[in-house]
Amino acid sequence: LVRRNGLAIATYGSLNNQAAHVKQQQIYGVDIVIVDDVRT
């Protein structure tokens, strides 16, 4: 919905430190994922 309005979408939050959630967001069309622990 956000992307259809011509906007980029980024997310933050503790769930982003889990690789599985990052991959899911790529599928959803999230442009940017902000993480605390890049290694995980």
All heavy atoms as atom14 arrays in JSON, in Angstrom:
{
  "sequence": "LVRRNGLAIATYGSLNNQAAHVKQQQIYGVDIVIVDDVRT",
  "atom14_mask": [
    [1, 1, 1, 1, 1, 1, 1, 1, 0, 0, 0, 0, 0, 0],
    [1, 1, 1, 1, 1, 1, 1, 0, 0, 0, 0, 0, 0, 0],
    [1, 1, 1, 1, 1, 1, 1, 1, 1, 1, 1, 0, 0, 0],
    [1, 1, 1, 1, 1, 1, 1, 1, 1, 1, 1, 0, 0, 0],
    [1, 1, 1, 1, 1, 1, 1, 1, 0, 0, 0, 0, 0, 0],
    [1, 1, 1, 1, 0, 0, 0, 0, 0, 0, 0, 0, 0, 0],
    [1, 1, 1, 1, 1, 1, 1, 1, 0, 0, 0, 0, 0, 0],
    [1, 1, 1, 1, 1, 0, 0, 0, 0, 0, 0, 0, 0, 0],
    [1, 1, 1, 1, 1, 1, 1, 1, 0, 0, 0, 0, 0, 0],
    [1, 1, 1, 1, 1, 0, 0, 0, 0, 0, 0, 0, 0, 0],
    [1, 1, 1, 1, 1, 1, 1, 0, 0, 0, 0, 0, 0, 0],
    [1, 1, 1, 1, 1, 1, 1, 1, 1, 1, 1, 1, 0, 0],
    [1, 1, 1, 1, 0, 0, 0, 0, 0, 0, 0, 0, 0, 0],
    [1, 1, 1, 1, 1, 1, 0, 0, 0, 0, 0, 0, 0, 0],
    [1, 1, 1, 1, 1, 1, 1, 1, 0, 0, 0, 0, 0, 0],
    [1, 1, 1, 1, 1, 1, 1, 1, 0, 0, 0, 0, 0, 0],
    [1, 1, 1, 1, 1, 1, 1, 1, 0, 0, 0, 0, 0, 0],
    [1, 1, 1, 1, 1, 1, 1, 1, 1, 0, 0, 0, 0, 0],
    [1, 1, 1, 1, 1, 0, 0, 0, 0, 0, 0, 0, 0, 0],
    [1, 1, 1, 1, 1, 0, 0, 0, 0, 0, 0, 0, 0, 0],
    [1, 1, 1, 1, 1, 1, 1, 1, 1, 1, 0, 0, 0, 0],
    [1, 1, 1, 1, 1, 1, 1, 0, 0, 0, 0, 0, 0, 0],
    [1, 1, 1, 1, 1, 1, 1, 1, 1, 0, 0, 0, 0, 0],
    [1, 1, 1, 1, 1, 1, 1, 1, 1, 0, 0, 0, 0, 0],
    [1, 1, 1, 1, 1, 1, 1, 1, 1, 0, 0, 0, 0, 0],
    [1, 1, 1, 1, 1, 1, 1, 1, 1, 0, 0, 0, 0, 0],
    [1, 1, 1, 1, 1, 1, 1, 1, 0, 0, 0, 0, 0, 0],
    [1, 1, 1, 1, 1, 1, 1, 1, 1, 1, 1, 1, 0, 0],
    [1, 1, 1, 1, 0, 0, 0, 0, 0, 0, 0, 0, 0, 0],
    [1, 1, 1, 1, 1, 1, 1, 0, 0, 0, 0, 0, 0, 0],
    [1, 1, 1, 1, 1, 1, 1, 1, 0, 0, 0, 0, 0, 0],
    [1, 1, 1, 1, 1, 1, 1, 1, 0, 0, 0, 0, 0, 0],
    [1, 1, 1, 1, 1, 1, 1, 0, 0, 0, 0, 0, 0, 0],
    [1, 1, 1, 1, 1, 1, 1, 1, 0, 0, 0, 0, 0, 0],
    [1, 1, 1, 1, 1, 1, 1, 0, 0, 0, 0, 0, 0, 0],
    [1, 1, 1, 1, 1, 1, 1, 1, 0, 0, 0, 0, 0, 0],
    [1, 1, 1, 1, 1, 1, 1, 1, 0, 0, 0, 0, 0, 0],
    [1, 1, 1, 1, 1, 1, 1, 0, 0, 0, 0, 0, 0, 0],
    [1, 1, 1, 1, 1, 1, 1, 1, 1, 1, 1, 0, 0, 0],
    [1, 1, 1, 1, 1, 1, 1, 0, 0, 0, 0, 0, 0, 0]
  ],
  "atom14_positions": [
    [[0.84, -1.21, 0.0], [0.0, 0.0, 0.0], [0.87, 1.26, 0.0], [0.61, 2.21, -0.74], [-0.92, 0.0, 1.22], [-1.75, 1.27, 1.45], [-2.73, 1.48, 0.3], [-2.49, 1.21, 2.78], [0.0, 0.0, 0.0], [0.0, 0.0, 0.0], [0.0, 0.0, 0.0], [0.0, 0.0, 0.0], [0.0, 0.0, 0.0], [0.0, 0.0, 0.0]],
    [[1.91, 1.24, 0.82], [2.82, 2.39, 0.89], [3.52, 2.58, -0.45], [3.61, 3.69, -0.98], [3.85, 2.21, 2.02], [4.88, 3.34, 1.99], [3.16, 2.16, 3.38], [0.0, 0.0, 0.0], [0.0, 0.0, 0.0], [0.0, 0.0, 0.0], [0.0, 0.0, 0.0], [0.0, 0.0, 0.0], [0.0, 0.0, 0.0], [0.0, 0.0, 0.0]],
    [[3.98, 1.49, -1.04], [4.71, 1.58, -2.31], [3.8, 2.03, -3.45], [4.23, 2.74, -4.36], [5.35, 0.22, -2.62], [6.51, -0.13, -1.69], [7.05, -1.52, -1.99], [7.57, -1.6, -3.34], [8.85, -1.35, -3.66], [9.7, -1.0, -2.72], [9.26, -1.44, -4.91], [0.0, 0.0, 0.0], [0.0, 0.0, 0.0], [0.0, 0.0, 0.0]],
    [[2.53, 1.61, -3.42], [1.6, 2.04, -4.47], [1.38, 3.55, -4.45], [0.96, 4.14, -5.45], [0.25, 1.31, -4.33], [0.28, -0.12, -4.8], [-1.14, -0.6, -5.12], [-2.03, -0.51, -3.99], [-2.21, -1.47, -3.09], [-1.53, -2.6, -3.17], [-3.07, -1.31, -2.1], [0.0, 0.0, 0.0], [0.0, 0.0, 0.0], [0.0, 0.0, 0.0]],
    [[1.65, 4.17, -3.31], [1.54, 5.62, -3.2], [2.83, 6.32, -3.61], [2.99, 7.53, -3.39], [1.17, 6.01, -1.77], [-0.32, 5.87, -1.48], [-1.09, 6.76, -1.79], [-0.71, 4.72, -0.93], [0.0, 0.0, 0.0], [0.0, 0.0, 0.0], [0.0, 0.0, 0.0], [0.0, 0.0, 0.0], [0.0, 0.0, 0.0], [0.0, 0.0, 0.0]],
    [[3.75, 5.56, -4.19], [5.0, 6.15, -4.67], [6.0, 6.46, -3.59], [6.89, 7.29, -3.78], [0.0, 0.0, 0.0], [0.0, 0.0, 0.0], [0.0, 0.0, 0.0], [0.0, 0.0, 0.0], [0.0, 0.0, 0.0], [0.0, 0.0, 0.0], [0.0, 0.0, 0.0], [0.0, 0.0, 0.0], [0.0, 0.0, 0.0], [0.0, 0.0, 0.0]],
    [[5.89, 5.8, -2.44], [6.77, 6.06, -1.31], [7.64, 4.86, -1.01], [7.24, 3.71, -1.23], [5.94, 6.4, -0.06], [5.0, 7.6, -0.17], [4.12, 7.68, 1.08], [5.78, 8.9, -0.36], [0.0, 0.0, 0.0], [0.0, 0.0, 0.0], [0.0, 0.0, 0.0], [0.0, 0.0, 0.0], [0.0, 0.0, 0.0], [0.0, 0.0, 0.0]],
    [[8.82, 5.13, -0.48], [9.67, 4.06, 0.03], [9.2, 3.68, 1.43], [8.6, 4.5, 2.14], [11.12, 4.51, 0.06], [0.0, 0.0, 0.0], [0.0, 0.0, 0.0], [0.0, 0.0, 0.0], [0.0, 0.0, 0.0], [0.0, 0.0, 0.0], [0.0, 0.0, 0.0], [0.0, 0.0, 0.0], [0.0, 0.0, 0.0], [0.0, 0.0, 0.0]],
    [[9.48, 2.46, 1.83], [9.11, 2.03, 3.18], [10.29, 1.33, 3.84], [10.96, 0.5, 3.23], [7.87, 1.09, 3.16], [7.52, 0.65, 4.6], [8.09, -0.11, 2.25], [6.19, -0.06, 4.72], [0.0, 0.0, 0.0], [0.0, 0.0, 0.0], [0.0, 0.0, 0.0], [0.0, 0.0, 0.0], [0.0, 0.0, 0.0], [0.0, 0.0, 0.0]],
    [[10.56, 1.75, 5.07], [11.61, 1.14, 5.88], [11.0, 0.72, 7.21], [9.95, 1.22, 7.61], [12.74, 2.14, 6.12], [0.0, 0.0, 0.0], [0.0, 0.0, 0.0], [0.0, 0.0, 0.0], [0.0, 0.0, 0.0], [0.0, 0.0, 0.0], [0.0, 0.0, 0.0], [0.0, 0.0, 0.0], [0.0, 0.0, 0.0], [0.0, 0.0, 0.0]],
    [[11.66, -0.22, 7.88], [11.16, -0.69, 9.18], [12.29, -0.71, 10.2], [13.47, -0.8, 9.86], [10.56, -2.1, 9.09], [11.59, -3.04, 8.73], [9.43, -2.16, 8.08], [0.0, 0.0, 0.0], [0.0, 0.0, 0.0], [0.0, 0.0, 0.0], [0.0, 0.0, 0.0], [0.0, 0.0, 0.0], [0.0, 0.0, 0.0], [0.0, 0.0, 0.0]],
    [[11.89, -0.61, 11.46], [12.83, -0.75, 12.57], [12.15, -1.58, 13.66], [10.91, -1.74, 13.65], [13.25, 0.62, 13.13], [12.15, 1.34, 13.87], [11.98, 1.19, 15.25], [11.23, 2.16, 13.18], [10.94, 1.85, 15.92], [10.21, 2.81, 13.85], [10.08, 2.66, 15.21], [9.05, 3.3, 15.88], [0.0, 0.0, 0.0], [0.0, 0.0, 0.0]],
    [[12.89, -2.08, 14.62], [12.31, -2.87, 15.7], [13.11, -4.13, 15.94], [13.89, -4.58, 15.1], [0.0, 0.0, 0.0], [0.0, 0.0, 0.0], [0.0, 0.0, 0.0], [0.0, 0.0, 0.0], [0.0, 0.0, 0.0], [0.0, 0.0, 0.0], [0.0, 0.0, 0.0], [0.0, 0.0, 0.0], [0.0, 0.0, 0.0], [0.0, 0.0, 0.0]],
    [[12.9, -4.74, 17.1], [13.7, -5.91, 17.5], [13.52, -7.1, 16.58], [14.43, -7.91, 16.42], [13.36, -6.3, 18.95], [11.97, -6.58, 19.07], [0.0, 0.0, 0.0], [0.0, 0.0, 0.0], [0.0, 0.0, 0.0], [0.0, 0.0, 0.0], [0.0, 0.0, 0.0], [0.0, 0.0, 0.0], [0.0, 0.0, 0.0], [0.0, 0.0, 0.0]],
    [[12.34, -7.24, 15.95], [12.13, -8.35, 15.03], [13.11, -8.32, 13.85], [13.41, -9.35, 13.26], [10.7, -8.35, 14.49], [9.59, -8.83, 15.43], [8.23, -8.72, 14.74], [9.84, -10.27, 15.87], [0.0, 0.0, 0.0], [0.0, 0.0, 0.0], [0.0, 0.0, 0.0], [0.0, 0.0, 0.0], [0.0, 0.0, 0.0], [0.0, 0.0, 0.0]],
    [[13.61, -7.15, 13.54], [14.53, -7.02, 12.41], [15.9, -7.64, 12.69], [16.71, -7.77, 11.78], [14.72, -5.55, 12.04], [13.52, -4.98, 11.32], [12.56, -5.69, 11.03], [13.54, -3.69, 11.05], [0.0, 0.0, 0.0], [0.0, 0.0, 0.0], [0.0, 0.0, 0.0], [0.0, 0.0, 0.0], [0.0, 0.0, 0.0], [0.0, 0.0, 0.0]],
    [[16.15, -8.03, 13.93], [17.41, -8.7, 14.24], [17.35, -10.19, 13.94], [18.34, -10.9, 14.12], [17.77, -8.48, 15.71], [18.09, -7.02, 16.01], [18.65, -6.32, 15.17], [17.7, -6.55, 17.18], [0.0, 0.0, 0.0], [0.0, 0.0, 0.0], [0.0, 0.0, 0.0], [0.0, 0.0, 0.0], [0.0, 0.0, 0.0], [0.0, 0.0, 0.0]],
    [[16.2, -10.66, 13.48], [16.04, -12.07, 13.11], [16.03, -12.2, 11.59], [15.21, -11.58, 10.91], [14.73, -12.61, 13.69], [14.64, -12.49, 15.22], [13.29, -12.94, 15.75], [12.61, -13.76, 15.14], [12.9, -12.39, 16.9], [0.0, 0.0, 0.0], [0.0, 0.0, 0.0], [0.0, 0.0, 0.0], [0.0, 0.0, 0.0], [0.0, 0.0, 0.0]],
    [[16.97, -12.98, 11.09], [17.16, -13.1, 9.63], [15.88, -13.51, 8.92], [15.59, -13.03, 7.81], [18.28, -14.09, 9.34], [0.0, 0.0, 0.0], [0.0, 0.0, 0.0], [0.0, 0.0, 0.0], [0.0, 0.0, 0.0], [0.0, 0.0, 0.0], [0.0, 0.0, 0.0], [0.0, 0.0, 0.0], [0.0, 0.0, 0.0], [0.0, 0.0, 0.0]],
    [[15.09, -14.38, 9.53], [13.86, -14.84, 8.89], [12.89, -13.69, 8.63], [12.23, -13.63, 7.58], [13.19, -15.91, 9.76], [0.0, 0.0, 0.0], [0.0, 0.0, 0.0], [0.0, 0.0, 0.0], [0.0, 0.0, 0.0], [0.0, 0.0, 0.0], [0.0, 0.0, 0.0], [0.0, 0.0, 0.0], [0.0, 0.0, 0.0], [0.0, 0.0, 0.0]],
    [[12.78, -12.77, 9.58], [11.88, -11.63, 9.42], [12.39, -10.67, 8.35], [11.6, -10.05, 7.63], [11.7, -10.9, 10.75], [10.78, -11.61, 11.71], [9.41, -11.54, 11.59], [11.04, -12.4, 12.78], [8.86, -12.26, 12.56], [9.82, -12.79, 13.29], [0.0, 0.0, 0.0], [0.0, 0.0, 0.0], [0.0, 0.0, 0.0], [0.0, 0.0, 0.0]],
    [[13.71, -10.54, 8.24], [14.28, -9.68, 7.2], [13.95, -10.23, 5.83], [13.53, -9.51, 4.92], [15.81, -9.56, 7.38], [16.42, -8.8, 6.2], [16.14, -8.84, 8.69], [0.0, 0.0, 0.0], [0.0, 0.0, 0.0], [0.0, 0.0, 0.0], [0.0, 0.0, 0.0], [0.0, 0.0, 0.0], [0.0, 0.0, 0.0], [0.0, 0.0, 0.0]],
    [[14.09, -11.54, 5.65], [13.79, -12.17, 4.36], [12.31, -12.03, 4.01], [11.95, -11.81, 2.85], [14.21, -13.63, 4.4], [15.72, -13.84, 4.49], [16.09, -15.31, 4.57], [17.6, -15.49, 4.66], [17.97, -16.93, 4.81], [0.0, 0.0, 0.0], [0.0, 0.0, 0.0], [0.0, 0.0, 0.0], [0.0, 0.0, 0.0], [0.0, 0.0, 0.0]],
    [[11.46, -12.18, 5.02], [10.02, -12.03, 4.77], [9.69, -10.62, 4.3], [8.89, -10.42, 3.39], [9.23, -12.35, 6.04], [9.09, -13.83, 6.34], [8.29, -14.53, 5.25], [8.83, -15.38, 4.52], [7.02, -14.19, 5.12], [0.0, 0.0, 0.0], [0.0, 0.0, 0.0], [0.0, 0.0, 0.0], [0.0, 0.0, 0.0], [0.0, 0.0, 0.0]],
    [[10.34, -9.63, 4.9], [10.06, -8.25, 4.52], [10.53, -7.95, 3.1], [9.93, -7.12, 2.4], [10.72, -7.3, 5.52], [10.04, -7.31, 6.89], [10.72, -6.38, 7.86], [10.63, -5.16, 7.74], [11.42, -6.95, 8.84], [0.0, 0.0, 0.0], [0.0, 0.0, 0.0], [0.0, 0.0, 0.0], [0.0, 0.0, 0.0], [0.0, 0.0, 0.0]],
    [[11.59, -8.61, 2.67], [12.01, -8.45, 1.28], [10.93, -8.96, 0.34], [10.66, -8.35, -0.7], [13.32, -9.22, 1.05], [14.52, -8.61, 1.75], [15.79, -9.44, 1.56], [15.72, -10.61, 1.2], [16.93, -8.84, 1.82], [0.0, 0.0, 0.0], [0.0, 0.0, 0.0], [0.0, 0.0, 0.0], [0.0, 0.0, 0.0], [0.0, 0.0, 0.0]],
    [[10.29, -10.03, 0.73], [9.19, -10.58, -0.08], [8.0, -9.61, -0.07], [7.34, -9.41, -1.09], [8.77, -11.96, 0.46], [9.92, -12.96, 0.31], [7.52, -12.47, -0.25], [9.66, -14.3, 0.98], [0.0, 0.0, 0.0], [0.0, 0.0, 0.0], [0.0, 0.0, 0.0], [0.0, 0.0, 0.0], [0.0, 0.0, 0.0], [0.0, 0.0, 0.0]],
    [[7.75, -8.98, 1.07], [6.63, -8.06, 1.18], [6.85, -6.78, 0.37], [5.89, -6.08, 0.06], [6.39, -7.65, 2.65], [6.08, -8.79, 3.59], [6.34, -8.68, 4.95], [5.55, -10.0, 3.12], [6.06, -9.71, 5.83], [5.28, -11.04, 3.99], [5.54, -10.9, 5.35], [5.27, -11.92, 6.22], [0.0, 0.0, 0.0], [0.0, 0.0, 0.0]],
    [[8.1, -6.48, 0.03], [8.39, -5.26, -0.71], [8.95, -4.13, 0.13], [8.98, -2.99, -0.32], [0.0, 0.0, 0.0], [0.0, 0.0, 0.0], [0.0, 0.0, 0.0], [0.0, 0.0, 0.0], [0.0, 0.0, 0.0], [0.0, 0.0, 0.0], [0.0, 0.0, 0.0], [0.0, 0.0, 0.0], [0.0, 0.0, 0.0], [0.0, 0.0, 0.0]],
    [[9.42, -4.44, 1.35], [10.03, -3.42, 2.2], [11.38, -3.02, 1.59], [12.18, -3.87, 1.22], [10.22, -3.94, 3.64], [11.02, -2.95, 4.48], [8.85, -4.2, 4.29], [0.0, 0.0, 0.0], [0.0, 0.0, 0.0], [0.0, 0.0, 0.0], [0.0, 0.0, 0.0], [0.0, 0.0, 0.0], [0.0, 0.0, 0.0], [0.0, 0.0, 0.0]],
    [[11.62, -1.72, 1.48], [12.83, -1.22, 0.84], [14.06, -1.27, 1.73], [15.15, -1.58, 1.28], [12.62, 0.23, 0.39], [11.55, 0.35, -0.68], [11.76, -0.15, -1.79], [10.49, 0.97, -0.4], [0.0, 0.0, 0.0], [0.0, 0.0, 0.0], [0.0, 0.0, 0.0], [0.0, 0.0, 0.0], [0.0, 0.0, 0.0], [0.0, 0.0, 0.0]],
    [[13.87, -0.91, 2.99], [15.0, -0.77, 3.92], [14.65, -1.44, 5.24], [13.55, -1.24, 5.77], [15.32, 0.72, 4.19], [15.62, 1.45, 2.88], [16.49, 0.87, 5.15], [15.66, 2.96, 3.03], [0.0, 0.0, 0.0], [0.0, 0.0, 0.0], [0.0, 0.0, 0.0], [0.0, 0.0, 0.0], [0.0, 0.0, 0.0], [0.0, 0.0, 0.0]],
    [[15.58, -2.23, 5.77], [15.4, -2.86, 7.07], [16.52, -2.36, 7.98], [17.7, -2.59, 7.7], [15.43, -4.4, 6.97], [15.35, -5.03, 8.35], [14.29, -4.89, 6.1], [0.0, 0.0, 0.0], [0.0, 0.0, 0.0], [0.0, 0.0, 0.0], [0.0, 0.0, 0.0], [0.0, 0.0, 0.0], [0.0, 0.0, 0.0], [0.0, 0.0, 0.0]],
    [[16.16, -1.68, 9.06], [17.13, -1.15, 10.01], [17.31, -2.17, 11.12], [16.35, -2.6, 11.75], [16.66, 0.19, 10.59], [16.49, 1.21, 9.45], [17.63, 0.73, 11.62], [15.84, 2.51, 9.89], [0.0, 0.0, 0.0], [0.0, 0.0, 0.0], [0.0, 0.0, 0.0], [0.0, 0.0, 0.0], [0.0, 0.0, 0.0], [0.0, 0.0, 0.0]],
    [[18.57, -2.58, 11.35], [18.84, -3.62, 12.34], [19.82, -3.13, 13.38], [20.59, -2.2, 13.15], [19.4, -4.89, 11.65], [18.43, -5.41, 10.61], [20.77, -4.62, 11.02], [0.0, 0.0, 0.0], [0.0, 0.0, 0.0], [0.0, 0.0, 0.0], [0.0, 0.0, 0.0], [0.0, 0.0, 0.0], [0.0, 0.0, 0.0], [0.0, 0.0, 0.0]],
    [[19.79, -3.79, 14.55], [20.76, -3.49, 15.61], [22.0, -4.36, 15.46], [23.1, -3.94, 15.75], [20.13, -3.72, 16.98], [18.94, -2.81, 17.22], [19.06, -1.61, 16.92], [17.91, -3.3, 17.68], [0.0, 0.0, 0.0], [0.0, 0.0, 0.0], [0.0, 0.0, 0.0], [0.0, 0.0, 0.0], [0.0, 0.0, 0.0], [0.0, 0.0, 0.0]],
    [[21.8, -5.6, 15.04], [22.91, -6.56, 14.93], [23.0, -7.04, 13.49], [22.25, -7.92, 13.06], [22.67, -7.74, 15.87], [23.9, -8.62, 16.0], [24.77, -8.57, 15.11], [24.0, -9.37, 16.99], [0.0, 0.0, 0.0], [0.0, 0.0, 0.0], [0.0, 0.0, 0.0], [0.0, 0.0, 0.0], [0.0, 0.0, 0.0], [0.0, 0.0, 0.0]],
    [[23.88, -6.44, 12.71], [24.0, -6.76, 11.29], [24.43, -8.21, 11.1], [24.03, -8.88, 10.14], [25.0, -5.81, 10.6], [25.18, -6.17, 9.13], [24.54, -4.38, 10.74], [0.0, 0.0, 0.0], [0.0, 0.0, 0.0], [0.0, 0.0, 0.0], [0.0, 0.0, 0.0], [0.0, 0.0, 0.0], [0.0, 0.0, 0.0], [0.0, 0.0, 0.0]],
    [[25.2, -8.74, 12.03], [25.7, -10.11, 11.87], [24.6, -11.15, 11.87], [24.65, -12.12, 11.12], [26.7, -10.42, 13.01], [27.98, -9.6, 12.97], [28.77, -9.79, 14.24], [27.99, -9.38, 15.41], [28.42, -9.52, 16.66], [29.61, -10.05, 16.89], [27.68, -9.13, 17.68], [0.0, 0.0, 0.0], [0.0, 0.0, 0.0], [0.0, 0.0, 0.0]],
    [[23.58, -10.95, 12.71], [22.51, -11.94, 12.8], [21.45, -11.72, 11.73], [20.77, -12.63, 11.29], [21.84, -11.93, 14.18], [21.31, -10.62, 14.42], [22.86, -12.27, 15.25], [0.0, 0.0, 0.0], [0.0, 0.0, 0.0], [0.0, 0.0, 0.0], [0.0, 0.0, 0.0], [0.0, 0.0, 0.0], [0.0, 0.0, 0.0], [0.0, 0.0, 0.0]]
  ]
}
